[in-house]
Amino acid sequence: MLNDIGAITDYFLELDALKLINRRTYIDGGLRVENSAEHSWHLAMACWSIARSFEIDVSEEKLLKLALVHDLGEIDAGDTFLYSKDRHEAHTAERECVKRLENHSGNSVSELSVLWEEQENGTSLETKLLKTVDRLLPFLHNITSNGKTWQELEIKKSQVLVAHAFIADDFPEIHSWMLDKINVAVKEGWLNDS
């Protein structure tokens, strides 16, 4: 059993670096951007809550683990904005970071890479819920900040529709709610109608 407290605390500091990765999502109505650690916590709580609210038959333990490892790769790779043209390249650097963390002498979670790969490429109900909520939260922040990120980066309605289309198949009620909010965002001028 791993019990080198020096290595363990060094690993904890490695994980703590996720707090230094700023995202493009504004929180608290647009006052500041969130960091990836805040997002990971919010994602875990929101997944857990939605699973219970919608009575989705998932393993809560697995769901929470997937949410916790979801953005670990950003410690080395940084955050890649949803609408970035370079988004497909980020996964390589993220994967390498997760492997580095998994091999850290202070880590005792041997399945870190397995969990990360599942949240990245899996098709389980837990993975589908995680991906849906991962898109829902920044979307919600855009709505509550009057589309601040969308406006700053000139995001178009068509981009938002494409990025969230997959939700319609697995969670149509959530997708319908999002479509209503997209129409509000266009009407208010927060999102370009094209």
N, C-alpha and C. Protein backbone atom coordinates (compact mmCIF):
# COMPACT_ATOMS: atom_id res chain seq x y z
N MET A 1 0.84 -1.20 0.00
CA MET A 1 0.00 0.00 0.00
C MET A 1 0.88 1.25 0.00
N LEU A 2 0.47 2.20 -0.78
CA LEU A 2 1.20 3.45 -0.89
C LEU A 2 1.00 4.26 0.38
N ASN A 3 2.08 4.62 1.05
CA ASN A 3 1.93 5.40 2.27
C ASN A 3 3.02 6.44 2.46
N ASP A 4 3.66 6.85 1.37
CA ASP A 4 4.68 7.91 1.43
C ASP A 4 3.96 9.25 1.40
N ILE A 5 3.78 9.83 2.58
CA ILE A 5 2.99 11.07 2.67
C ILE A 5 3.62 12.21 1.86
N GLY A 6 4.93 12.22 1.73
CA GLY A 6 5.58 13.24 0.91
C GLY A 6 5.18 13.13 -0.55
N ALA A 7 5.17 11.91 -1.08
CA ALA A 7 4.77 11.68 -2.47
C ALA A 7 3.28 11.97 -2.65
N ILE A 8 2.49 11.55 -1.65
CA ILE A 8 1.05 11.77 -1.72
C ILE A 8 0.72 13.26 -1.75
N THR A 9 1.35 14.03 -0.88
CA THR A 9 1.05 15.47 -0.86
C THR A 9 1.59 16.16 -2.10
N ASP A 10 2.69 15.66 -2.65
CA ASP A 10 3.20 16.21 -3.91
C ASP A 10 2.19 15.97 -5.03
N TYR A 11 1.59 14.79 -5.03
CA TYR A 11 0.54 14.48 -6.00
C TYR A 11 -0.66 15.39 -5.83
N PHE A 12 -1.04 15.64 -4.59
CA PHE A 12 -2.15 16.56 -4.33
C PHE A 12 -1.88 17.94 -4.91
N LEU A 13 -0.63 18.39 -4.82
CA LEU A 13 -0.29 19.69 -5.40
C LEU A 13 -0.34 19.65 -6.92
N GLU A 14 0.03 18.50 -7.50
CA GLU A 14 -0.11 18.34 -8.95
C GLU A 14 -1.57 18.49 -9.36
N LEU A 15 -2.47 17.85 -8.61
CA LEU A 15 -3.91 17.94 -8.90
C LEU A 15 -4.41 19.37 -8.68
N ASP A 16 -3.88 20.04 -7.69
CA ASP A 16 -4.30 21.40 -7.36
C ASP A 16 -4.06 22.37 -8.51
N ALA A 17 -3.14 22.02 -9.39
CA ALA A 17 -2.84 22.89 -10.54
C ALA A 17 -4.03 23.07 -11.47
N LEU A 18 -5.04 22.21 -11.35
CA LEU A 18 -6.24 22.37 -12.17
C LEU A 18 -6.94 23.69 -11.85
N LYS A 19 -6.73 24.20 -10.64
CA LYS A 19 -7.32 25.50 -10.25
C LYS A 19 -6.71 26.65 -11.05
N LEU A 20 -5.55 26.44 -11.63
CA LEU A 20 -4.86 27.50 -12.38
C LEU A 20 -5.29 27.58 -13.84
N ILE A 21 -6.10 26.64 -14.28
CA ILE A 21 -6.53 26.59 -15.68
C ILE A 21 -7.85 27.34 -15.83
N ASN A 22 -7.80 28.50 -16.40
CA ASN A 22 -9.01 29.28 -16.61
C ASN A 22 -9.72 28.85 -17.88
N ARG A 23 -11.02 28.85 -17.79
CA ARG A 23 -11.88 28.52 -18.92
C ARG A 23 -12.38 29.83 -19.54
N ARG A 24 -13.18 29.71 -20.58
CA ARG A 24 -13.75 30.89 -21.22
C ARG A 24 -15.15 31.21 -20.69
N THR A 25 -15.62 30.38 -19.80
CA THR A 25 -16.98 30.51 -19.29
C THR A 25 -17.04 31.49 -18.13
N TYR A 26 -17.90 32.49 -18.27
CA TYR A 26 -18.10 33.46 -17.20
C TYR A 26 -19.11 32.92 -16.20
N ILE A 27 -18.80 33.11 -14.91
CA ILE A 27 -19.72 32.68 -13.86
C ILE A 27 -20.24 33.89 -13.11
N ASP A 28 -21.20 33.65 -12.27
CA ASP A 28 -21.80 34.69 -11.43
C ASP A 28 -22.31 35.86 -12.27
N GLY A 29 -23.02 35.50 -13.33
CA GLY A 29 -23.61 36.53 -14.17
C GLY A 29 -22.62 37.29 -15.03
N GLY A 30 -21.39 36.81 -15.12
CA GLY A 30 -20.40 37.44 -15.99
C GLY A 30 -19.30 38.17 -15.26
N LEU A 31 -19.17 38.00 -13.95
CA LEU A 31 -18.16 38.73 -13.18
C LEU A 31 -16.74 38.24 -13.43
N ARG A 32 -16.57 36.95 -13.60
CA ARG A 32 -15.23 36.40 -13.84
C ARG A 32 -15.37 35.05 -14.53
N VAL A 33 -14.25 34.57 -15.08
CA VAL A 33 -14.27 33.24 -15.68
C VAL A 33 -14.03 32.20 -14.59
N GLU A 34 -14.56 31.02 -14.83
CA GLU A 34 -14.32 29.93 -13.89
C GLU A 34 -13.02 29.22 -14.24
N ASN A 35 -12.49 28.48 -13.28
CA ASN A 35 -11.34 27.64 -13.58
C ASN A 35 -11.81 26.19 -13.74
N SER A 36 -10.93 25.36 -14.23
CA SER A 36 -11.32 23.99 -14.55
C SER A 36 -11.64 23.16 -13.31
N ALA A 37 -11.02 23.45 -12.19
CA ALA A 37 -11.34 22.71 -10.96
C ALA A 37 -12.75 23.05 -10.50
N GLU A 38 -13.12 24.32 -10.58
CA GLU A 38 -14.48 24.71 -10.23
C GLU A 38 -15.48 24.01 -11.15
N HIS A 39 -15.16 23.98 -12.42
CA HIS A 39 -16.04 23.32 -13.38
C HIS A 39 -16.19 21.84 -13.06
N SER A 40 -15.09 21.17 -12.73
CA SER A 40 -15.14 19.74 -12.42
C SER A 40 -16.03 19.46 -11.22
N TRP A 41 -15.92 20.28 -10.18
CA TRP A 41 -16.78 20.12 -9.01
C TRP A 41 -18.24 20.35 -9.40
N HIS A 42 -18.49 21.42 -10.15
CA HIS A 42 -19.86 21.75 -10.57
C HIS A 42 -20.43 20.63 -11.43
N LEU A 43 -19.60 20.10 -12.32
CA LEU A 43 -20.01 19.00 -13.18
C LEU A 43 -20.41 17.77 -12.36
N ALA A 44 -19.59 17.41 -11.38
CA ALA A 44 -19.90 16.25 -10.54
C ALA A 44 -21.22 16.45 -9.80
N MET A 45 -21.40 17.59 -9.19
CA MET A 45 -22.63 17.87 -8.44
C MET A 45 -23.85 17.89 -9.36
N ALA A 46 -23.71 18.52 -10.52
CA ALA A 46 -24.84 18.62 -11.46
C ALA A 46 -25.21 17.25 -12.03
N CYS A 47 -24.21 16.43 -12.35
CA CYS A 47 -24.50 15.07 -12.84
C CYS A 47 -25.25 14.27 -11.79
N TRP A 48 -24.79 14.34 -10.58
CA TRP A 48 -25.40 13.61 -9.48
C TRP A 48 -26.85 14.06 -9.29
N SER A 49 -27.05 15.37 -9.31
CA SER A 49 -28.38 15.93 -9.12
C SER A 49 -29.33 15.55 -10.27
N ILE A 50 -28.85 15.67 -11.50
CA ILE A 50 -29.70 15.35 -12.65
C ILE A 50 -30.04 13.86 -12.67
N ALA A 51 -29.07 13.02 -12.33
CA ALA A 51 -29.33 11.59 -12.29
C ALA A 51 -30.47 11.28 -11.34
N ARG A 52 -30.49 11.95 -10.21
CA ARG A 52 -31.56 11.72 -9.24
C ARG A 52 -32.86 12.42 -9.66
N SER A 53 -32.76 13.65 -10.15
CA SER A 53 -33.96 14.40 -10.54
C SER A 53 -34.73 13.70 -11.65
N PHE A 54 -34.01 13.14 -12.61
CA PHE A 54 -34.64 12.47 -13.75
C PHE A 54 -34.75 10.96 -13.53
N GLU A 55 -34.36 10.50 -12.34
CA GLU A 55 -34.40 9.08 -11.98
C GLU A 55 -33.71 8.22 -13.04
N ILE A 56 -32.48 8.60 -13.38
CA ILE A 56 -31.69 7.89 -14.38
C ILE A 56 -30.93 6.77 -13.68
N ASP A 57 -31.06 5.58 -14.19
CA ASP A 57 -30.46 4.40 -13.57
C ASP A 57 -28.98 4.30 -13.94
N VAL A 58 -28.17 5.01 -13.18
CA VAL A 58 -26.72 5.00 -13.40
C VAL A 58 -26.02 4.61 -12.10
N SER A 59 -24.77 4.24 -12.24
CA SER A 59 -23.92 4.06 -11.07
C SER A 59 -23.44 5.44 -10.66
N GLU A 60 -23.91 5.92 -9.52
CA GLU A 60 -23.49 7.25 -9.08
C GLU A 60 -22.00 7.29 -8.81
N GLU A 61 -21.45 6.21 -8.28
CA GLU A 61 -20.01 6.18 -8.03
C GLU A 61 -19.22 6.35 -9.33
N LYS A 62 -19.61 5.61 -10.34
CA LYS A 62 -18.93 5.70 -11.63
C LYS A 62 -19.11 7.09 -12.22
N LEU A 63 -20.32 7.62 -12.16
CA LEU A 63 -20.62 8.95 -12.69
C LEU A 63 -19.75 10.01 -12.04
N LEU A 64 -19.63 9.96 -10.72
CA LEU A 64 -18.84 10.96 -10.01
C LEU A 64 -17.35 10.81 -10.31
N LYS A 65 -16.88 9.58 -10.42
CA LYS A 65 -15.48 9.37 -10.78
C LYS A 65 -15.18 9.92 -12.17
N LEU A 66 -16.07 9.66 -13.12
CA LEU A 66 -15.88 10.17 -14.47
C LEU A 66 -15.84 11.70 -14.48
N ALA A 67 -16.73 12.31 -13.70
CA ALA A 67 -16.75 13.77 -13.63
C ALA A 67 -15.47 14.32 -13.01
N LEU A 68 -14.97 13.64 -12.00
CA LEU A 68 -13.76 14.12 -11.33
C LEU A 68 -12.51 14.02 -12.21
N VAL A 69 -12.43 13.01 -13.06
CA VAL A 69 -11.25 12.87 -13.92
C VAL A 69 -11.40 13.61 -15.25
N HIS A 70 -12.60 14.03 -15.54
CA HIS A 70 -12.94 14.61 -16.85
C HIS A 70 -11.94 15.64 -17.36
N ASP A 71 -11.56 16.60 -16.55
CA ASP A 71 -10.69 17.69 -17.00
C ASP A 71 -9.27 17.61 -16.48
N LEU A 72 -8.87 16.48 -15.88
CA LEU A 72 -7.51 16.38 -15.33
C LEU A 72 -6.43 16.66 -16.37
N GLY A 73 -6.65 16.24 -17.59
CA GLY A 73 -5.65 16.45 -18.65
C GLY A 73 -5.37 17.90 -18.94
N GLU A 74 -6.27 18.77 -18.52
CA GLU A 74 -6.08 20.21 -18.76
C GLU A 74 -4.97 20.79 -17.90
N ILE A 75 -4.53 20.06 -16.88
CA ILE A 75 -3.42 20.55 -16.06
C ILE A 75 -2.21 20.84 -16.94
N ASP A 76 -1.93 19.96 -17.89
CA ASP A 76 -0.81 20.17 -18.83
C ASP A 76 -1.27 20.80 -20.14
N ALA A 77 -2.45 20.42 -20.60
CA ALA A 77 -2.89 20.83 -21.94
C ALA A 77 -3.61 22.17 -21.96
N GLY A 78 -4.09 22.63 -20.82
CA GLY A 78 -4.91 23.83 -20.79
C GLY A 78 -6.32 23.51 -21.26
N ASP A 79 -7.20 24.49 -21.15
CA ASP A 79 -8.58 24.31 -21.57
C ASP A 79 -8.70 24.59 -23.06
N THR A 80 -9.45 23.76 -23.75
CA THR A 80 -9.72 23.99 -25.16
C THR A 80 -11.19 24.37 -25.29
N PHE A 81 -11.42 25.56 -25.80
CA PHE A 81 -12.77 26.09 -25.92
C PHE A 81 -13.60 25.22 -26.85
N LEU A 82 -14.85 25.01 -26.50
CA LEU A 82 -15.76 24.15 -27.24
C LEU A 82 -15.78 24.46 -28.73
N TYR A 83 -15.73 25.72 -29.10
CA TYR A 83 -15.86 26.10 -30.50
C TYR A 83 -14.51 26.32 -31.19
N SER A 84 -13.44 25.91 -30.56
CA SER A 84 -12.10 26.07 -31.13
C SER A 84 -11.88 25.14 -32.31
N LYS A 85 -11.17 25.63 -33.31
CA LYS A 85 -10.84 24.80 -34.47
C LYS A 85 -9.79 23.74 -34.12
N ASP A 86 -9.03 23.98 -33.05
CA ASP A 86 -7.97 23.06 -32.64
C ASP A 86 -8.44 22.05 -31.60
N ARG A 87 -9.73 21.96 -31.37
CA ARG A 87 -10.27 21.13 -30.30
C ARG A 87 -9.86 19.66 -30.44
N HIS A 88 -9.84 19.13 -31.65
CA HIS A 88 -9.55 17.71 -31.85
C HIS A 88 -8.11 17.34 -31.47
N GLU A 89 -7.20 18.31 -31.43
CA GLU A 89 -5.81 18.05 -31.10
C GLU A 89 -5.55 18.03 -29.60
N ALA A 90 -6.43 18.61 -28.82
CA ALA A 90 -6.21 18.74 -27.37
C ALA A 90 -6.18 17.40 -26.66
N HIS A 91 -6.90 16.42 -27.17
CA HIS A 91 -7.04 15.15 -26.47
C HIS A 91 -5.71 14.41 -26.32
N THR A 92 -4.81 14.59 -27.26
CA THR A 92 -3.51 13.92 -27.17
C THR A 92 -2.74 14.42 -25.97
N ALA A 93 -2.64 15.73 -25.82
CA ALA A 93 -1.93 16.31 -24.68
C ALA A 93 -2.64 15.99 -23.36
N GLU A 94 -3.96 16.00 -23.37
CA GLU A 94 -4.72 15.67 -22.16
C GLU A 94 -4.45 14.22 -21.75
N ARG A 95 -4.47 13.33 -22.71
CA ARG A 95 -4.23 11.90 -22.44
C ARG A 95 -2.86 11.70 -21.81
N GLU A 96 -1.85 12.38 -22.35
CA GLU A 96 -0.49 12.26 -21.81
C GLU A 96 -0.42 12.79 -20.39
N CYS A 97 -1.12 13.84 -20.09
CA CYS A 97 -1.15 14.38 -18.74
C CYS A 97 -1.77 13.39 -17.77
N VAL A 98 -2.87 12.79 -18.17
CA VAL A 98 -3.53 11.82 -17.28
C VAL A 98 -2.60 10.63 -17.03
N LYS A 99 -1.89 10.18 -18.04
CA LYS A 99 -0.93 9.09 -17.85
C LYS A 99 0.18 9.51 -16.89
N ARG A 100 0.65 10.74 -17.03
CA ARG A 100 1.68 11.26 -16.13
C ARG A 100 1.18 11.27 -14.69
N LEU A 101 -0.05 11.74 -14.50
CA LEU A 101 -0.63 11.76 -13.15
C LEU A 101 -0.84 10.35 -12.60
N GLU A 102 -1.29 9.45 -13.46
CA GLU A 102 -1.51 8.07 -13.03
C GLU A 102 -0.21 7.42 -12.56
N ASN A 103 0.90 7.78 -13.22
CA ASN A 103 2.20 7.18 -12.88
C ASN A 103 2.93 7.92 -11.76
N HIS A 104 2.35 8.98 -11.26
CA HIS A 104 2.98 9.73 -10.17
C HIS A 104 3.13 8.84 -8.95
N SER A 105 4.25 8.91 -8.28
CA SER A 105 4.51 8.03 -7.14
C SER A 105 3.54 8.25 -5.98
N GLY A 106 2.88 9.38 -5.93
CA GLY A 106 1.92 9.65 -4.86
C GLY A 106 0.49 9.28 -5.19
N ASN A 107 0.24 8.82 -6.41
CA ASN A 107 -1.11 8.44 -6.83
C ASN A 107 -1.38 6.98 -6.51
N SER A 108 -2.53 6.71 -5.93
CA SER A 108 -2.91 5.32 -5.66
C SER A 108 -4.17 4.91 -6.44
N VAL A 109 -4.61 5.76 -7.37
CA VAL A 109 -5.79 5.46 -8.19
C VAL A 109 -5.29 4.87 -9.51
N SER A 110 -5.21 3.56 -9.57
CA SER A 110 -4.60 2.89 -10.72
C SER A 110 -5.43 2.99 -11.99
N GLU A 111 -6.75 3.26 -11.84
CA GLU A 111 -7.62 3.30 -13.01
C GLU A 111 -7.84 4.71 -13.57
N LEU A 112 -6.98 5.63 -13.26
CA LEU A 112 -7.15 7.01 -13.71
C LEU A 112 -7.27 7.11 -15.23
N SER A 113 -6.36 6.47 -15.96
CA SER A 113 -6.41 6.52 -17.43
C SER A 113 -7.63 5.80 -17.98
N VAL A 114 -7.99 4.70 -17.37
CA VAL A 114 -9.16 3.94 -17.82
C VAL A 114 -10.41 4.80 -17.69
N LEU A 115 -10.56 5.45 -16.55
CA LEU A 115 -11.72 6.33 -16.34
C LEU A 115 -11.70 7.50 -17.31
N TRP A 116 -10.53 8.09 -17.51
CA TRP A 116 -10.43 9.24 -18.42
C TRP A 116 -10.81 8.81 -19.84
N GLU A 117 -10.32 7.66 -20.28
CA GLU A 117 -10.64 7.17 -21.62
C GLU A 117 -12.14 6.90 -21.74
N GLU A 118 -12.74 6.37 -20.69
CA GLU A 118 -14.17 6.11 -20.75
C GLU A 118 -14.97 7.39 -20.89
N GLN A 119 -14.62 8.40 -20.10
CA GLN A 119 -15.38 9.65 -20.22
C GLN A 119 -15.13 10.30 -21.58
N GLU A 120 -14.00 10.04 -22.15
CA GLU A 120 -13.65 10.62 -23.45
C GLU A 120 -14.32 9.89 -24.61
N ASN A 121 -14.34 8.55 -24.56
CA ASN A 121 -14.77 7.75 -25.71
C ASN A 121 -15.91 6.78 -25.42
N GLY A 122 -16.34 6.69 -24.19
CA GLY A 122 -17.33 5.70 -23.80
C GLY A 122 -18.73 6.00 -24.29
N THR A 123 -19.57 4.98 -24.22
CA THR A 123 -20.96 5.12 -24.65
C THR A 123 -21.95 4.69 -23.56
N SER A 124 -21.45 4.52 -22.34
CA SER A 124 -22.33 4.13 -21.24
C SER A 124 -23.30 5.27 -20.93
N LEU A 125 -24.35 4.95 -20.21
CA LEU A 125 -25.31 5.96 -19.80
C LEU A 125 -24.64 7.02 -18.93
N GLU A 126 -23.71 6.58 -18.09
CA GLU A 126 -22.96 7.54 -17.26
C GLU A 126 -22.18 8.52 -18.13
N THR A 127 -21.53 8.00 -19.17
CA THR A 127 -20.75 8.86 -20.07
C THR A 127 -21.66 9.81 -20.84
N LYS A 128 -22.78 9.32 -21.29
CA LYS A 128 -23.72 10.18 -22.03
C LYS A 128 -24.25 11.30 -21.14
N LEU A 129 -24.57 10.97 -19.90
CA LEU A 129 -25.05 12.00 -18.97
C LEU A 129 -23.95 13.01 -18.69
N LEU A 130 -22.75 12.52 -18.47
CA LEU A 130 -21.60 13.41 -18.21
C LEU A 130 -21.40 14.38 -19.37
N LYS A 131 -21.41 13.89 -20.58
CA LYS A 131 -21.18 14.75 -21.75
C LYS A 131 -22.30 15.78 -21.91
N THR A 132 -23.52 15.36 -21.60
CA THR A 132 -24.65 16.28 -21.68
C THR A 132 -24.52 17.41 -20.66
N VAL A 133 -24.24 17.05 -19.43
CA VAL A 133 -24.12 18.06 -18.38
C VAL A 133 -22.89 18.93 -18.60
N ASP A 134 -21.83 18.35 -19.15
CA ASP A 134 -20.62 19.12 -19.47
C ASP A 134 -20.91 20.22 -20.49
N ARG A 135 -21.86 19.99 -21.36
CA ARG A 135 -22.28 21.02 -22.32
C ARG A 135 -23.32 21.95 -21.71
N LEU A 136 -24.17 21.39 -20.85
CA LEU A 136 -25.23 22.18 -20.25
C LEU A 136 -24.70 23.30 -19.35
N LEU A 137 -23.68 23.03 -18.56
CA LEU A 137 -23.22 24.03 -17.59
C LEU A 137 -22.66 25.30 -18.24
N PRO A 138 -21.74 25.21 -19.20
CA PRO A 138 -21.29 26.45 -19.84
C PRO A 138 -22.41 27.16 -20.59
N PHE A 139 -23.31 26.36 -21.16
CA PHE A 139 -24.48 26.92 -21.83
C PHE A 139 -25.29 27.75 -20.84
N LEU A 140 -25.54 27.18 -19.67
CA LEU A 140 -26.28 27.87 -18.62
C LEU A 140 -25.57 29.17 -18.21
N HIS A 141 -24.26 29.10 -18.08
CA HIS A 141 -23.50 30.31 -17.72
C HIS A 141 -23.61 31.37 -18.82
N ASN A 142 -23.64 30.94 -20.07
CA ASN A 142 -23.83 31.91 -21.15
C ASN A 142 -25.20 32.57 -21.07
N ILE A 143 -26.19 31.81 -20.72
CA ILE A 143 -27.53 32.38 -20.58
C ILE A 143 -27.57 33.38 -19.43
N THR A 144 -26.97 33.03 -18.29
CA THR A 144 -27.03 33.92 -17.13
C THR A 144 -26.09 35.13 -17.23
N SER A 145 -25.17 35.10 -18.18
CA SER A 145 -24.28 36.25 -18.38
C SER A 145 -24.66 37.03 -19.64
N ASN A 146 -25.88 36.83 -20.11
CA ASN A 146 -26.35 37.49 -21.34
C ASN A 146 -25.44 37.19 -22.53
N GLY A 147 -24.97 35.95 -22.59
CA GLY A 147 -24.16 35.50 -23.72
C GLY A 147 -22.79 36.14 -23.80
N LYS A 148 -22.21 36.47 -22.66
CA LYS A 148 -20.94 37.22 -22.67
C LYS A 148 -19.84 36.52 -23.48
N THR A 149 -19.64 35.24 -23.25
CA THR A 149 -18.61 34.53 -24.02
C THR A 149 -19.00 34.42 -25.49
N TRP A 150 -20.25 34.09 -25.75
CA TRP A 150 -20.71 34.01 -27.14
C TRP A 150 -20.48 35.33 -27.86
N GLN A 151 -20.80 36.42 -27.21
CA GLN A 151 -20.63 37.73 -27.84
C GLN A 151 -19.16 38.07 -28.05
N GLU A 152 -18.34 37.84 -27.03
CA GLU A 152 -16.91 38.16 -27.14
C GLU A 152 -16.24 37.40 -28.28
N LEU A 153 -16.65 36.15 -28.49
CA LEU A 153 -16.00 35.31 -29.49
C LEU A 153 -16.83 35.16 -30.76
N GLU A 154 -17.90 35.95 -30.85
CA GLU A 154 -18.75 35.98 -32.03
C GLU A 154 -19.25 34.59 -32.44
N ILE A 155 -19.76 33.87 -31.46
CA ILE A 155 -20.29 32.54 -31.69
C ILE A 155 -21.67 32.66 -32.35
N LYS A 156 -21.91 31.77 -33.29
CA LYS A 156 -23.16 31.79 -34.04
C LYS A 156 -24.13 30.72 -33.52
N LYS A 157 -25.40 30.97 -33.74
CA LYS A 157 -26.45 30.02 -33.37
C LYS A 157 -26.15 28.64 -33.96
N SER A 158 -25.72 28.60 -35.20
CA SER A 158 -25.46 27.32 -35.86
C SER A 158 -24.37 26.54 -35.13
N GLN A 159 -23.36 27.21 -34.61
CA GLN A 159 -22.30 26.54 -33.86
C GLN A 159 -22.85 25.91 -32.58
N VAL A 160 -23.69 26.66 -31.89
CA VAL A 160 -24.27 26.17 -30.64
C VAL A 160 -25.19 24.98 -30.92
N LEU A 161 -25.97 25.07 -31.98
CA LEU A 161 -26.87 23.96 -32.34
C LEU A 161 -26.09 22.69 -32.64
N VAL A 162 -25.03 22.79 -33.41
CA VAL A 162 -24.23 21.62 -33.76
C VAL A 162 -23.56 21.03 -32.52
N ALA A 163 -23.03 21.88 -31.66
CA ALA A 163 -22.30 21.40 -30.47
C ALA A 163 -23.21 20.69 -29.47
N HIS A 164 -24.50 20.97 -29.52
CA HIS A 164 -25.42 20.40 -28.55
C HIS A 164 -26.44 19.42 -29.16
N ALA A 165 -26.33 19.17 -30.45
CA ALA A 165 -27.32 18.32 -31.15
C ALA A 165 -27.41 16.92 -30.57
N PHE A 166 -26.28 16.35 -30.14
CA PHE A 166 -26.28 14.97 -29.65
C PHE A 166 -27.18 14.78 -28.42
N ILE A 167 -27.44 15.85 -27.69
CA ILE A 167 -28.24 15.76 -26.47
C ILE A 167 -29.68 15.36 -26.78
N ALA A 168 -30.16 15.71 -27.96
CA ALA A 168 -31.56 15.42 -28.34
C ALA A 168 -31.86 13.92 -28.29
N ASP A 169 -30.90 13.09 -28.65
CA ASP A 169 -31.12 11.65 -28.67
C ASP A 169 -31.24 11.04 -27.28
N ASP A 170 -30.37 11.48 -26.37
CA ASP A 170 -30.30 10.84 -25.06
C ASP A 170 -31.12 11.54 -23.98
N PHE A 171 -31.21 12.85 -24.07
CA PHE A 171 -31.92 13.63 -23.05
C PHE A 171 -32.75 14.73 -23.73
N PRO A 172 -33.84 14.32 -24.42
CA PRO A 172 -34.63 15.27 -25.20
C PRO A 172 -35.23 16.42 -24.38
N GLU A 173 -35.57 16.17 -23.13
CA GLU A 173 -36.14 17.24 -22.30
C GLU A 173 -35.10 18.35 -22.05
N ILE A 174 -33.87 17.96 -21.80
CA ILE A 174 -32.80 18.94 -21.61
C ILE A 174 -32.55 19.68 -22.92
N HIS A 175 -32.51 18.94 -24.02
CA HIS A 175 -32.26 19.55 -25.33
C HIS A 175 -33.36 20.55 -25.69
N SER A 176 -34.59 20.21 -25.42
CA SER A 176 -35.71 21.11 -25.71
C SER A 176 -35.58 22.41 -24.91
N TRP A 177 -35.22 22.28 -23.65
CA TRP A 177 -35.00 23.47 -22.80
C TRP A 177 -33.90 24.35 -23.39
N MET A 178 -32.83 23.71 -23.85
CA MET A 178 -31.71 24.46 -24.44
C MET A 178 -32.15 25.17 -25.72
N LEU A 179 -32.94 24.51 -26.55
CA LEU A 179 -33.42 25.15 -27.78
C LEU A 179 -34.24 26.40 -27.47
N ASP A 180 -35.08 26.33 -26.45
CA ASP A 180 -35.84 27.51 -26.04
C ASP A 180 -34.91 28.64 -25.63
N LYS A 181 -33.86 28.31 -24.88
CA LYS A 181 -32.91 29.33 -24.43
C LYS A 181 -32.08 29.88 -25.60
N ILE A 182 -31.79 29.06 -26.59
CA ILE A 182 -31.07 29.54 -27.78
C ILE A 182 -31.93 30.59 -28.49
N ASN A 183 -33.21 30.32 -28.61
CA ASN A 183 -34.11 31.30 -29.24
C ASN A 183 -34.15 32.61 -28.47
N VAL A 184 -34.14 32.54 -27.15
CA VAL A 184 -34.08 33.75 -26.32
C VAL A 184 -32.77 34.48 -26.57
N ALA A 185 -31.66 33.74 -26.62
CA ALA A 185 -30.34 34.35 -26.82
C ALA A 185 -30.27 35.08 -28.17
N VAL A 186 -30.86 34.49 -29.19
CA VAL A 186 -30.88 35.13 -30.51
C VAL A 186 -31.74 36.39 -30.45
N LYS A 187 -32.92 36.27 -29.86
CA LYS A 187 -33.84 37.41 -29.75
C LYS A 187 -33.21 38.58 -28.99
N GLU A 188 -32.44 38.25 -27.93
CA GLU A 188 -31.81 39.28 -27.11
C GLU A 188 -30.52 39.83 -27.74
N GLY A 189 -30.05 39.18 -28.80
CA GLY A 189 -28.82 39.62 -29.45
C GLY A 189 -27.54 39.08 -28.82
N TRP A 190 -27.67 38.07 -27.97
CA TRP A 190 -26.50 37.47 -27.34
C TRP A 190 -25.81 36.47 -28.25
N LEU A 191 -26.54 36.00 -29.25
CA LEU A 191 -26.07 34.97 -30.16
C LEU A 191 -26.44 35.36 -31.56
N ASN A 192 -25.49 35.29 -32.45
CA ASN A 192 -25.69 35.64 -33.86
C ASN A 192 -26.60 34.61 -34.52
N ASP A 193 -27.65 35.07 -35.16
CA ASP A 193 -28.65 34.16 -35.77
C ASP A 193 -28.21 33.70 -37.15
N SER A 194 -27.18 32.88 -37.19
CA SER A 194 -26.75 32.30 -38.47
C SER A 194 -26.05 30.98 -38.22
